[in-house]
Amino acid sequence: MIGRLAMVAFWGGVLATMPVLALAEGEAAGRPQVVKGVEAGAVGRVHPGNGAYCTGVLVAPNIVVTAAHCLVDRRTKRWVRPESVHFLGGYSRGEYEYHARVSRYEVSRMYKPTDPLRTVNFDWAMLILSEPETGSQPVQMATRKASSAVASVTGYAYRRKYALSTSAPCAVQLVVGLFEGGCKAVGGMSGAPLVDVDTGELIGIQVAGFKRDGREMMIAVPASKFSARLAEIESGAAKPVSETQP
């Protein structure tokens, strides 16, 4: 199915702009939330050292999830070195709540930088931060595997790259191992958290967009693709797969 879609990876350019929504309705007093379950400091910009950027989301004090293709040098199609990757948490208008360096990162062995469309189902990466972030609450992972949901995406769109943008809620459905939905696909949003608006849980990360019957659609890798590996790393039971490559 993926081969038949006119997919556009987010490095390719901007497809649309997104409105910024108000703070989450009914949020508790204290740190503001951009959507239910997501503090502004939990979302940030991933800078891989190649002049581009993506969005990333804090899922543990020392782990950020983003899209794997964000860590590929566009010219050489090789993985960038971990020490060149930086995460700016809570980035807004040239300032950020914290700056984290990356000690290593992990990607799926099934993802191929030279064939990103055919391996888009595995387009995820986990950045292991050199120091844990204690000032921001990580986004909670979904506790159950859902086949559909109403969700929104929050990240740094190229046309509004200095502040967070959040899509209006849209219906998403699991199709051939990926979430598809009508949330607009926007350049710079690769790696942006796809959050269930009812539970406030992370159900996936946005990785690409395509058009169907003239309508812009987004594609997201489900959190279930990387949740098991995340649990292993958090528990200390996991051995690093590789510092830079699957």
Protein backbone atom coordinates (compact mmCIF):
# COMPACT_ATOMS: atom_id res chain seq x y z
CA MET A 1 0.00 0.00 0.00
CA ILE A 2 2.78 2.42 0.90
CA GLY A 3 4.29 2.07 -2.56
CA ARG A 4 1.06 3.29 -4.12
CA LEU A 5 0.86 6.47 -2.05
CA ALA A 6 2.39 9.75 -3.09
CA MET A 7 4.16 10.04 0.25
CA VAL A 8 6.22 13.06 1.20
CA ALA A 9 8.82 12.72 3.94
CA PHE A 10 8.93 15.86 6.05
CA TRP A 11 12.42 16.80 4.94
CA GLY A 12 10.89 17.55 1.55
CA GLY A 13 9.10 20.77 2.47
CA VAL A 14 6.03 22.26 4.00
CA LEU A 15 2.62 20.96 3.06
CA ALA A 16 0.48 23.18 5.28
CA THR A 17 0.42 25.30 8.41
CA MET A 18 -1.24 24.38 11.66
CA PRO A 19 -3.22 26.50 14.10
CA VAL A 20 -2.01 26.73 17.66
CA LEU A 21 -4.60 25.54 20.12
CA ALA A 22 -5.22 26.96 23.57
CA LEU A 23 -3.84 25.23 26.66
CA ALA A 24 -5.49 21.92 27.44
CA GLU A 25 -8.95 22.31 28.90
CA GLY A 26 -9.12 21.42 32.58
CA GLU A 27 -5.35 21.19 33.07
CA ALA A 28 -4.09 21.20 36.61
CA ALA A 29 -2.57 24.33 38.08
CA GLY A 30 1.18 24.46 37.51
CA ARG A 31 3.11 23.80 34.34
CA PRO A 32 0.99 24.51 31.24
CA GLN A 33 0.02 21.75 28.85
CA VAL A 34 -0.16 22.25 25.10
CA VAL A 35 -2.63 19.39 24.86
CA LYS A 36 -3.94 17.02 27.51
CA GLY A 37 -1.05 15.03 28.95
CA VAL A 38 1.70 17.01 27.19
CA GLU A 39 3.71 19.75 28.89
CA ALA A 40 5.46 22.24 26.63
CA GLY A 41 8.81 21.12 28.05
CA ALA A 42 8.21 17.52 26.97
CA VAL A 43 8.29 18.47 23.31
CA GLY A 44 11.36 19.96 21.69
CA ARG A 45 13.46 20.33 18.58
CA VAL A 46 15.93 17.63 17.57
CA HIS A 47 19.00 19.06 15.83
CA PRO A 48 21.05 16.29 14.18
CA GLY A 49 23.89 18.57 13.13
CA ASN A 50 23.12 18.58 9.41
CA GLY A 51 21.37 21.94 9.19
CA ALA A 52 17.84 20.53 9.53
CA TYR A 53 15.66 19.79 12.52
CA CYS A 54 12.79 17.56 13.60
CA THR A 55 10.47 17.34 16.56
CA GLY A 56 11.06 14.99 19.48
CA VAL A 57 9.12 14.01 22.59
CA LEU A 58 10.37 13.14 26.07
CA VAL A 59 9.06 9.69 27.08
CA ALA A 60 11.40 9.10 30.04
CA PRO A 61 13.72 11.47 31.94
CA ASN A 62 16.63 10.45 29.70
CA ILE A 63 14.88 9.25 26.52
CA VAL A 64 13.46 11.22 23.60
CA VAL A 65 11.59 9.59 20.72
CA THR A 66 11.76 11.01 17.20
CA ALA A 67 11.70 9.78 13.60
CA ALA A 68 14.65 7.69 12.42
CA HIS A 69 14.93 9.56 9.12
CA CYS A 70 15.79 12.68 11.13
CA LEU A 71 19.13 11.08 12.01
CA VAL A 72 20.14 10.34 8.43
CA ASP A 73 22.46 12.64 6.51
CA ARG A 74 20.44 13.61 3.44
CA ARG A 75 23.49 13.71 1.20
CA THR A 76 25.32 10.52 2.21
CA LYS A 77 22.29 8.52 3.44
CA ARG A 78 24.36 7.53 6.46
CA TRP A 79 23.50 7.81 10.14
CA VAL A 80 24.77 10.95 11.86
CA ARG A 81 27.03 10.56 14.87
CA PRO A 82 25.34 10.65 18.30
CA GLU A 83 27.56 13.45 19.56
CA SER A 84 26.27 15.74 16.80
CA VAL A 85 22.63 15.39 17.97
CA HIS A 86 21.12 17.92 20.37
CA PHE A 87 17.64 18.19 21.92
CA LEU A 88 16.20 21.57 22.87
CA GLY A 89 13.30 20.85 25.21
CA GLY A 90 10.48 23.37 25.40
CA TYR A 91 11.95 25.41 22.58
CA SER A 92 10.12 28.69 21.96
CA ARG A 93 11.22 31.79 20.05
CA GLY A 94 14.94 31.16 20.30
CA GLU A 95 14.88 30.05 23.93
CA TYR A 96 14.49 26.62 25.51
CA GLU A 97 13.84 25.11 28.89
CA TYR A 98 16.81 22.75 28.66
CA HIS A 99 19.52 21.62 26.26
CA ALA A 100 20.45 17.94 26.20
CA ARG A 101 23.25 16.16 24.41
CA VAL A 102 22.80 12.62 23.13
CA SER A 103 25.12 9.86 24.31
CA ARG A 104 23.74 7.28 21.87
CA TYR A 105 20.58 6.45 19.99
CA GLU A 106 18.73 3.36 18.89
CA VAL A 107 16.77 2.66 15.73
CA SER A 108 15.05 -0.40 14.36
CA ARG A 109 17.23 -2.76 12.35
CA MET A 110 14.35 -2.93 9.90
CA TYR A 111 14.58 0.75 8.94
CA LYS A 112 16.75 1.39 5.87
CA PRO A 113 17.98 4.95 5.23
CA THR A 114 18.44 4.11 1.56
CA ASP A 115 14.85 2.87 1.25
CA PRO A 116 12.80 5.01 3.65
CA LEU A 117 9.40 4.59 2.00
CA ARG A 118 9.42 0.80 2.02
CA THR A 119 10.62 0.73 5.64
CA VAL A 120 8.51 3.63 6.96
CA ASN A 121 6.77 1.25 9.41
CA PHE A 122 10.03 1.23 11.38
CA ASP A 123 10.80 4.96 11.16
CA TRP A 124 11.41 5.55 14.86
CA ALA A 125 14.45 6.39 16.96
CA MET A 126 15.16 6.70 20.67
CA LEU A 127 17.71 9.29 21.77
CA ILE A 128 19.47 8.42 25.02
CA LEU A 129 20.31 11.72 26.70
CA SER A 130 23.64 12.24 28.42
CA GLU A 131 21.87 13.63 31.48
CA PRO A 132 18.26 13.01 32.60
CA GLU A 133 15.80 15.89 32.44
CA THR A 134 14.11 16.32 35.81
CA GLY A 135 12.18 19.54 35.25
CA SER A 136 9.70 18.27 32.65
CA GLN A 137 7.13 15.51 32.90
CA PRO A 138 7.58 12.85 30.18
CA VAL A 139 4.56 12.04 28.04
CA GLN A 140 2.93 8.79 29.09
CA MET A 141 2.98 5.91 26.63
CA ALA A 142 -0.34 4.34 25.68
CA THR A 143 -1.14 1.43 27.97
CA ARG A 144 -3.07 -0.48 25.34
CA LYS A 145 -2.73 -1.02 21.62
CA ALA A 146 -5.49 0.89 19.84
CA SER A 147 -6.63 0.45 16.24
CA SER A 148 -8.29 3.87 16.12
CA ALA A 149 -8.48 7.08 18.12
CA VAL A 150 -9.09 10.80 17.98
CA ALA A 151 -5.70 12.44 18.29
CA SER A 152 -3.67 15.58 17.67
CA VAL A 153 -0.05 16.26 16.71
CA THR A 154 2.22 18.84 18.34
CA GLY A 155 5.55 19.98 16.93
CA TYR A 156 7.61 22.61 15.16
CA ALA A 157 6.24 23.31 11.69
CA TYR A 158 8.75 24.88 9.28
CA ARG A 159 6.51 27.87 8.67
CA ARG A 160 6.23 28.45 12.40
CA LYS A 161 9.51 26.93 13.49
CA TYR A 162 10.07 29.12 16.52
CA ALA A 163 7.03 27.94 18.47
CA LEU A 164 4.92 24.84 18.97
CA SER A 165 1.99 24.21 16.66
CA THR A 166 -0.80 21.77 17.39
CA SER A 167 -3.21 20.28 14.90
CA ALA A 168 -6.92 20.22 15.40
CA PRO A 169 -8.04 16.78 16.62
CA CYS A 170 -8.50 14.24 13.84
CA ALA A 171 -9.59 10.62 13.56
CA VAL A 172 -6.72 8.19 13.04
CA GLN A 173 -6.91 4.53 12.13
CA LEU A 174 -4.38 1.72 12.01
CA VAL A 175 -3.81 0.67 8.39
CA VAL A 176 -1.15 -1.92 7.48
CA GLY A 177 0.79 -1.23 10.67
CA LEU A 178 0.66 2.58 10.53
CA PHE A 179 -1.72 5.22 11.79
CA GLU A 180 -3.35 7.26 9.04
CA GLY A 181 -5.41 10.35 9.71
CA GLY A 182 -6.58 13.73 8.53
CA CYS A 183 -4.29 15.80 10.77
CA LYS A 184 -2.41 17.98 8.29
CA ALA A 185 1.14 16.87 7.49
CA VAL A 186 3.59 19.72 7.97
CA GLY A 187 7.34 19.99 7.35
CA GLY A 188 9.35 20.00 10.60
CA MET A 189 6.79 17.81 12.36
CA SER A 190 8.63 14.53 11.80
CA GLY A 191 8.90 12.83 15.18
CA ALA A 192 6.04 14.89 16.62
CA PRO A 193 3.93 13.12 19.25
CA LEU A 194 0.54 11.80 18.18
CA VAL A 195 -1.51 12.03 21.38
CA ASP A 196 -4.93 10.58 22.15
CA VAL A 197 -7.04 13.61 23.07
CA ASP A 198 -9.14 11.58 25.52
CA THR A 199 -6.37 9.86 27.50
CA GLY A 200 -3.45 12.25 26.95
CA GLU A 201 -1.26 9.25 26.08
CA LEU A 202 1.28 8.93 23.30
CA ILE A 203 -0.04 6.57 20.64
CA GLY A 204 2.52 7.27 17.91
CA ILE A 205 4.92 9.68 16.22
CA GLN A 206 4.23 11.41 12.95
CA VAL A 207 6.73 10.54 10.21
CA ALA A 208 5.32 11.46 6.79
CA GLY A 209 2.39 12.75 4.80
CA PHE A 210 0.56 12.01 1.58
CA LYS A 211 -2.49 13.10 -0.36
CA ARG A 212 -5.61 11.02 -0.95
CA ASP A 213 -8.26 12.40 -3.28
CA GLY A 214 -6.73 15.84 -2.87
CA ARG A 215 -6.87 15.67 0.92
CA GLU A 216 -3.74 15.96 3.02
CA MET A 217 -3.17 12.98 5.28
CA MET A 218 -0.55 12.12 7.86
CA ILE A 219 1.21 8.87 8.70
CA ALA A 220 2.43 7.94 12.18
CA VAL A 221 4.39 5.00 13.53
CA PRO A 222 2.42 3.46 16.44
CA ALA A 223 4.01 3.63 19.88
CA SER A 224 3.60 -0.13 20.10
CA LYS A 225 6.47 -0.43 17.59
CA PHE A 226 8.99 0.84 20.12
CA SER A 227 7.31 0.52 23.54
CA ALA A 228 8.90 -2.85 24.35
CA ARG A 229 12.40 -1.59 23.61
CA LEU A 230 11.73 1.53 25.65
CA ALA A 231 10.73 -0.62 28.63
CA GLU A 232 13.94 -2.64 28.32
CA ILE A 233 16.09 0.47 28.28
CA GLU A 234 14.28 2.00 31.23
CA SER A 235 14.66 -1.19 33.27
CA GLY A 236 18.36 -1.42 32.52
CA ALA A 237 17.92 -4.87 31.03
CA ALA A 238 18.70 -3.81 27.47
CA LYS A 239 22.11 -3.90 25.90
CA PRO A 240 22.76 -1.17 23.32
CA VAL A 241 21.99 -2.35 19.80
CA SER A 242 24.45 0.11 18.31
CA GLU A 243 25.64 3.61 18.96
CA THR A 244 24.88 4.89 15.50
CA GLN A 245 23.46 2.20 13.26
CA PRO A 246 20.96 -0.68 13.45
